[in-house]
Amino acid sequence: MIARRMRFECPDIDSRDCTPLVHRISAHLREGRADRAKRLIPPEKLYPLGEDLARSIGAL
């Protein structure tokens, strides 16, 4: 699940190829090492969302 999420989010983060990272995360998960997999995931970037837009997309 974590590795699957990375495949979709990584292109939005930057333009680098995340395939090797996803393979390492997946391997850790298969081995039951979720703690190691989580450490490989880059920190989530939060972006401000104006109140009008938040309301229009149902985020409030």
PDB file of N, CA and C in Angstrom:
ATOM      1  N   MET A   1       0.819  -1.192   0.000  1.00  0.00           N
ATOM      2  CA  MET A   1       0.000   0.000   0.000  1.00  0.00           C
ATOM      3  C   MET A   1       0.863   1.257   0.000  1.00  0.00           C
ATOM      4  N   ILE A   2       1.877   1.303   0.842  1.00  0.00           N
ATOM      5  CA  ILE A   2       2.759   2.466   0.891  1.00  0.00           C
ATOM      6  C   ILE A   2       3.477   2.622  -0.447  1.00  0.00           C
ATOM      7  N   ALA A   3       4.016   1.517  -0.967  1.00  0.00           N
ATOM      8  CA  ALA A   3       4.731   1.591  -2.247  1.00  0.00           C
ATOM      9  C   ALA A   3       3.786   2.005  -3.363  1.00  0.00           C
ATOM     10  N   ARG A   4       2.577   1.516  -3.363  1.00  0.00           N
ATOM     11  CA  ARG A   4       1.611   1.882  -4.398  1.00  0.00           C
ATOM     12  C   ARG A   4       1.339   3.379  -4.335  1.00  0.00           C
ATOM     13  N   ARG A   5       1.222   3.931  -3.141  1.00  0.00           N
ATOM     14  CA  ARG A   5       0.967   5.356  -2.995  1.00  0.00           C
ATOM     15  C   ARG A   5       2.125   6.172  -3.566  1.00  0.00           C
ATOM     16  N   MET A   6       3.333   5.741  -3.336  1.00  0.00           N
ATOM     17  CA  MET A   6       4.500   6.465  -3.822  1.00  0.00           C
ATOM     18  C   MET A   6       4.523   6.543  -5.343  1.00  0.00           C
ATOM     19  N   ARG A   7       4.107   5.488  -6.011  1.00  0.00           N
ATOM     20  CA  ARG A   7       4.124   5.506  -7.472  1.00  0.00           C
ATOM     21  C   ARG A   7       3.279   6.633  -8.027  1.00  0.00           C
ATOM     22  N   PHE A   8       2.190   6.936  -7.375  1.00  0.00           N
ATOM     23  CA  PHE A   8       1.301   7.972  -7.876  1.00  0.00           C
ATOM     24  C   PHE A   8       1.706   9.363  -7.397  1.00  0.00           C
ATOM     25  N   GLU A   9       2.238   9.475  -6.194  1.00  0.00           N
ATOM     26  CA  GLU A   9       2.569  10.786  -5.659  1.00  0.00           C
ATOM     27  C   GLU A   9       3.932  11.289  -6.113  1.00  0.00           C
ATOM     28  N   CYS A  10       4.844  10.415  -6.370  1.00  0.00           N
ATOM     29  CA  CYS A  10       6.202  10.820  -6.681  1.00  0.00           C
ATOM     30  C   CYS A  10       6.289  11.750  -7.892  1.00  0.00           C
ATOM     31  N   PRO A  11       5.570  11.491  -8.985  1.00  0.00           N
ATOM     32  CA  PRO A  11       5.668  12.425 -10.118  1.00  0.00           C
ATOM     33  C   PRO A  11       5.237  13.842  -9.753  1.00  0.00           C
ATOM     34  N   ASP A  12       4.375  14.000  -8.765  1.00  0.00           N
ATOM     35  CA  ASP A  12       3.955  15.333  -8.345  1.00  0.00           C
ATOM     36  C   ASP A  12       5.024  16.018  -7.493  1.00  0.00           C
ATOM     37  N   ILE A  13       5.886  15.236  -6.876  1.00  0.00           N
ATOM     38  CA  ILE A  13       6.919  15.796  -6.009  1.00  0.00           C
ATOM     39  C   ILE A  13       8.026  16.423  -6.852  1.00  0.00           C
ATOM     40  N   ASP A  14       8.536  15.680  -7.804  1.00  0.00           N
ATOM     41  CA  ASP A  14       9.543  16.189  -8.727  1.00  0.00           C
ATOM     42  C   ASP A  14       9.613  15.258  -9.926  1.00  0.00           C
ATOM     43  N   SER A  15      10.607  15.450 -10.767  1.00  0.00           N
ATOM     44  CA  SER A  15      10.645  14.686 -12.016  1.00  0.00           C
ATOM     45  C   SER A  15      11.608  13.509 -11.978  1.00  0.00           C
ATOM     46  N   ARG A  16      12.082  13.123 -10.817  1.00  0.00           N
ATOM     47  CA  ARG A  16      13.028  12.006 -10.755  1.00  0.00           C
ATOM     48  C   ARG A  16      12.305  10.662 -10.867  1.00  0.00           C
ATOM     49  N   ASP A  17      13.041   9.663 -11.283  1.00  0.00           N
ATOM     50  CA  ASP A  17      12.493   8.311 -11.399  1.00  0.00           C
ATOM     51  C   ASP A  17      12.463   7.683 -10.011  1.00  0.00           C
ATOM     52  N   CYS A  18      11.290   7.344  -9.535  1.00  0.00           N
ATOM     53  CA  CYS A  18      11.128   6.786  -8.193  1.00  0.00           C
ATOM     54  C   CYS A  18      11.105   5.264  -8.179  1.00  0.00           C
ATOM     55  N   THR A  19      11.292   4.644  -9.330  1.00  0.00           N
ATOM     56  CA  THR A  19      11.192   3.186  -9.402  1.00  0.00           C
ATOM     57  C   THR A  19      12.120   2.483  -8.416  1.00  0.00           C
ATOM     58  N   PRO A  20      13.419   2.832  -8.341  1.00  0.00           N
ATOM     59  CA  PRO A  20      14.288   2.144  -7.376  1.00  0.00           C
ATOM     60  C   PRO A  20      13.817   2.318  -5.932  1.00  0.00           C
ATOM     61  N   LEU A  21      13.363   3.507  -5.602  1.00  0.00           N
ATOM     62  CA  LEU A  21      12.861   3.758  -4.247  1.00  0.00           C
ATOM     63  C   LEU A  21      11.632   2.900  -3.964  1.00  0.00           C
ATOM     64  N   VAL A  22      10.725   2.829  -4.910  1.00  0.00           N
ATOM     65  CA  VAL A  22       9.511   2.028  -4.740  1.00  0.00           C
ATOM     66  C   VAL A  22       9.866   0.552  -4.577  1.00  0.00           C
ATOM     67  N   HIS A  23      10.858   0.086  -5.312  1.00  0.00           N
ATOM     68  CA  HIS A  23      11.285  -1.317  -5.173  1.00  0.00           C
ATOM     69  C   HIS A  23      11.853  -1.580  -3.786  1.00  0.00           C
ATOM     70  N   ARG A  24      12.653  -0.640  -3.264  1.00  0.00           N
ATOM     71  CA  ARG A  24      13.214  -0.822  -1.907  1.00  0.00           C
ATOM     72  C   ARG A  24      12.100  -0.823  -0.868  1.00  0.00           C
ATOM     73  N   ILE A  25      11.153   0.100  -1.001  1.00  0.00           N
ATOM     74  CA  ILE A  25      10.027   0.158  -0.062  1.00  0.00           C
ATOM     75  C   ILE A  25       9.229  -1.130  -0.118  1.00  0.00           C
ATOM     76  N   SER A  26       8.944  -1.592  -1.326  1.00  0.00           N
ATOM     77  CA  SER A  26       8.181  -2.824  -1.506  1.00  0.00           C
ATOM     78  C   SER A  26       8.896  -4.024  -0.896  1.00  0.00           C
ATOM     79  N   ALA A  27      10.206  -4.092  -1.085  1.00  0.00           N
ATOM     80  CA  ALA A  27      10.974  -5.207  -0.515  1.00  0.00           C
ATOM     81  C   ALA A  27      10.888  -5.201   1.007  1.00  0.00           C
ATOM     82  N   HIS A  28      11.022  -4.034   1.609  1.00  0.00           N
ATOM     83  CA  HIS A  28      10.904  -3.949   3.069  1.00  0.00           C
ATOM     84  C   HIS A  28       9.523  -4.405   3.524  1.00  0.00           C
ATOM     85  N   LEU A  29       8.485  -4.003   2.814  1.00  0.00           N
ATOM     86  CA  LEU A  29       7.125  -4.398   3.187  1.00  0.00           C
ATOM     87  C   LEU A  29       6.933  -5.902   3.060  1.00  0.00           C
ATOM     88  N   ARG A  30       7.461  -6.493   1.999  1.00  0.00           N
ATOM     89  CA  ARG A  30       7.349  -7.954   1.832  1.00  0.00           C
ATOM     90  C   ARG A  30       8.053  -8.697   2.954  1.00  0.00           C
ATOM     91  N   GLU A  31       9.127  -8.107   3.471  1.00  0.00           N
ATOM     92  CA  GLU A  31       9.896  -8.729   4.554  1.00  0.00           C
ATOM     93  C   GLU A  31       9.311  -8.401   5.931  1.00  0.00           C
ATOM     94  N   GLY A  32       8.187  -7.681   5.955  1.00  0.00           N
ATOM     95  CA  GLY A  32       7.558  -7.347   7.225  1.00  0.00           C
ATOM     96  C   GLY A  32       8.235  -6.218   7.965  1.00  0.00           C
ATOM     97  N   ARG A  33       8.972  -5.375   7.249  1.00  0.00           N
ATOM     98  CA  ARG A  33       9.716  -4.282   7.870  1.00  0.00           C
ATOM     99  C   ARG A  33       9.102  -2.930   7.499  1.00  0.00           C
ATOM    100  N   ALA A  34       7.867  -2.732   7.897  1.00  0.00           N
ATOM    101  CA  ALA A  34       7.150  -1.492   7.579  1.00  0.00           C
ATOM    102  C   ALA A  34       7.866  -0.274   8.150  1.00  0.00           C
ATOM    103  N   ASP A  35       8.513  -0.420   9.294  1.00  0.00           N
ATOM    104  CA  ASP A  35       9.229   0.705   9.891  1.00  0.00           C
ATOM    105  C   ASP A  35      10.338   1.202   8.973  1.00  0.00           C
ATOM    106  N   ARG A  36      11.069   0.284   8.356  1.00  0.00           N
ATOM    107  CA  ARG A  36      12.123   0.677   7.419  1.00  0.00           C
ATOM    108  C   ARG A  36      11.529   1.287   6.149  1.00  0.00           C
ATOM    109  N   ALA A  37      10.420   0.730   5.691  1.00  0.00           N
ATOM    110  CA  ALA A  37       9.763   1.257   4.490  1.00  0.00           C
ATOM    111  C   ALA A  37       9.308   2.694   4.728  1.00  0.00           C
ATOM    112  N   LYS A  38       8.724   2.958   5.879  1.00  0.00           N
ATOM    113  CA  LYS A  38       8.217   4.302   6.182  1.00  0.00           C
ATOM    114  C   LYS A  38       9.339   5.333   6.234  1.00  0.00           C
ATOM    115  N   ARG A  39      10.508   4.925   6.689  1.00  0.00           N
ATOM    116  CA  ARG A  39      11.636   5.865   6.771  1.00  0.00           C
ATOM    117  C   ARG A  39      12.112   6.298   5.387  1.00  0.00           C
ATOM    118  N   LEU A  40      11.836   5.512   4.358  1.00  0.00           N
ATOM    119  CA  LEU A  40      12.267   5.845   3.000  1.00  0.00           C
ATOM    120  C   LEU A  40      11.329   6.816   2.291  1.00  0.00           C
ATOM    121  N   ILE A  41      10.127   6.977   2.818  1.00  0.00           N
ATOM    122  CA  ILE A  41       9.150   7.850   2.172  1.00  0.00           C
ATOM    123  C   ILE A  41       9.512   9.305   2.467  1.00  0.00           C
ATOM    124  N   PRO A  42       9.614  10.125   1.418  1.00  0.00           N
ATOM    125  CA  PRO A  42       9.951  11.534   1.656  1.00  0.00           C
ATOM    126  C   PRO A  42       8.861  12.233   2.456  1.00  0.00           C
ATOM    127  N   PRO A  43       9.230  13.278   3.197  1.00  0.00           N
ATOM    128  CA  PRO A  43       8.222  13.992   3.979  1.00  0.00           C
ATOM    129  C   PRO A  43       7.158  14.603   3.066  1.00  0.00           C
ATOM    130  N   GLU A  44       5.947  14.596   3.556  1.00  0.00           N
ATOM    131  CA  GLU A  44       4.834  15.165   2.803  1.00  0.00           C
ATOM    132  C   GLU A  44       4.928  16.682   2.830  1.00  0.00           C
ATOM    133  N   LYS A  45       4.721  17.298   1.675  1.00  0.00           N
ATOM    134  CA  LYS A  45       4.719  18.752   1.602  1.00  0.00           C
ATOM    135  C   LYS A  45       3.272  19.241   1.682  1.00  0.00           C
ATOM    136  N   LEU A  46       3.026  20.162   2.587  1.00  0.00           N
ATOM    137  CA  LEU A  46       1.689  20.734   2.720  1.00  0.00           C
ATOM    138  C   LEU A  46       1.642  22.048   1.957  1.00  0.00           C
ATOM    139  N   TYR A  47       0.580  22.226   1.220  1.00  0.00           N
ATOM    140  CA  TYR A  47       0.389  23.444   0.447  1.00  0.00           C
ATOM    141  C   TYR A  47      -0.839  24.170   0.967  1.00  0.00           C
ATOM    142  N   PRO A  48      -0.767  25.508   1.068  1.00  0.00           N
ATOM    143  CA  PRO A  48      -1.918  26.250   1.571  1.00  0.00           C
ATOM    144  C   PRO A  48      -3.114  26.124   0.628  1.00  0.00           C
ATOM    145  N   LEU A  49      -4.277  26.097   1.215  1.00  0.00           N
ATOM    146  CA  LEU A  49      -5.514  25.988   0.456  1.00  0.00           C
ATOM    147  C   LEU A  49      -6.443  27.097   0.932  1.00  0.00           C
ATOM    148  N   GLY A  50      -6.767  28.006   0.013  1.00  0.00           N
ATOM    149  CA  GLY A  50      -7.648  29.111   0.369  1.00  0.00           C
ATOM    150  C   GLY A  50      -9.025  28.615   0.782  1.00  0.00           C
ATOM    151  N   GLU A  51      -9.662  29.364   1.641  1.00  0.00           N
ATOM    152  CA  GLU A  51     -10.959  28.949   2.182  1.00  0.00           C
ATOM    153  C   GLU A  51     -12.016  28.778   1.086  1.00  0.00           C
ATOM    154  N   ASP A  52     -12.046  29.679   0.096  1.00  0.00           N
ATOM    155  CA  ASP A  52     -13.028  29.566  -0.985  1.00  0.00           C
ATOM    156  C   ASP A  52     -12.847  28.272  -1.767  1.00  0.00           C
ATOM    157  N   LEU A  53     -11.592  27.981  -2.121  1.00  0.00           N
ATOM    158  CA  LEU A  53     -11.317  26.747  -2.868  1.00  0.00           C
ATOM    159  C   LEU A  53     -11.629  25.529  -2.009  1.00  0.00           C
ATOM    160  N   ALA A  54     -11.242  25.560  -0.756  1.00  0.00           N
ATOM    161  CA  ALA A  54     -11.514  24.440   0.150  1.00  0.00           C
ATOM    162  C   ALA A  54     -13.003  24.151   0.218  1.00  0.00           C
ATOM    163  N   ARG A  55     -13.796  25.210   0.318  1.00  0.00           N
ATOM    164  CA  ARG A  55     -15.247  25.036   0.371  1.00  0.00           C
ATOM    165  C   ARG A  55     -15.771  24.453  -0.946  1.00  0.00           C
ATOM    166  N   SER A  56     -15.261  24.944  -2.079  1.00  0.00           N
ATOM    167  CA  SER A  56     -15.775  24.496  -3.380  1.00  0.00           C
ATOM    168  C   SER A  56     -15.448  23.036  -3.680  1.00  0.00           C
ATOM    169  N   ILE A  57     -14.357  22.514  -3.085  1.00  0.00           N
ATOM    170  CA  ILE A  57     -14.031  21.107  -3.338  1.00  0.00           C
ATOM    171  C   ILE A  57     -14.445  20.197  -2.168  1.00  0.00           C
ATOM    172  N   GLY A  58     -15.113  20.772  -1.194  1.00  0.00           N
ATOM    173  CA  GLY A  58     -15.628  19.978  -0.073  1.00  0.00           C
ATOM    174  C   GLY A  58     -14.598  19.623   0.959  1.00  0.00           C
ATOM    175  N   ALA A  59     -13.531  20.421   1.064  1.00  0.00           N
ATOM    176  CA  ALA A  59     -12.473  20.123   2.038  1.00  0.00           C
ATOM    177  C   ALA A  59     -12.765  20.713   3.415  1.00  0.00           C
ATOM    178  N   LEU A  60     -13.817  21.460   3.538  1.00  0.00           N
ATOM    179  CA  LEU A  60     -14.184  22.041   4.846  1.00  0.00           C
ATOM    180  C   LEU A  60     -15.444  21.390   5.365  1.00  0.00           C
TER     181      LEU A  60
END
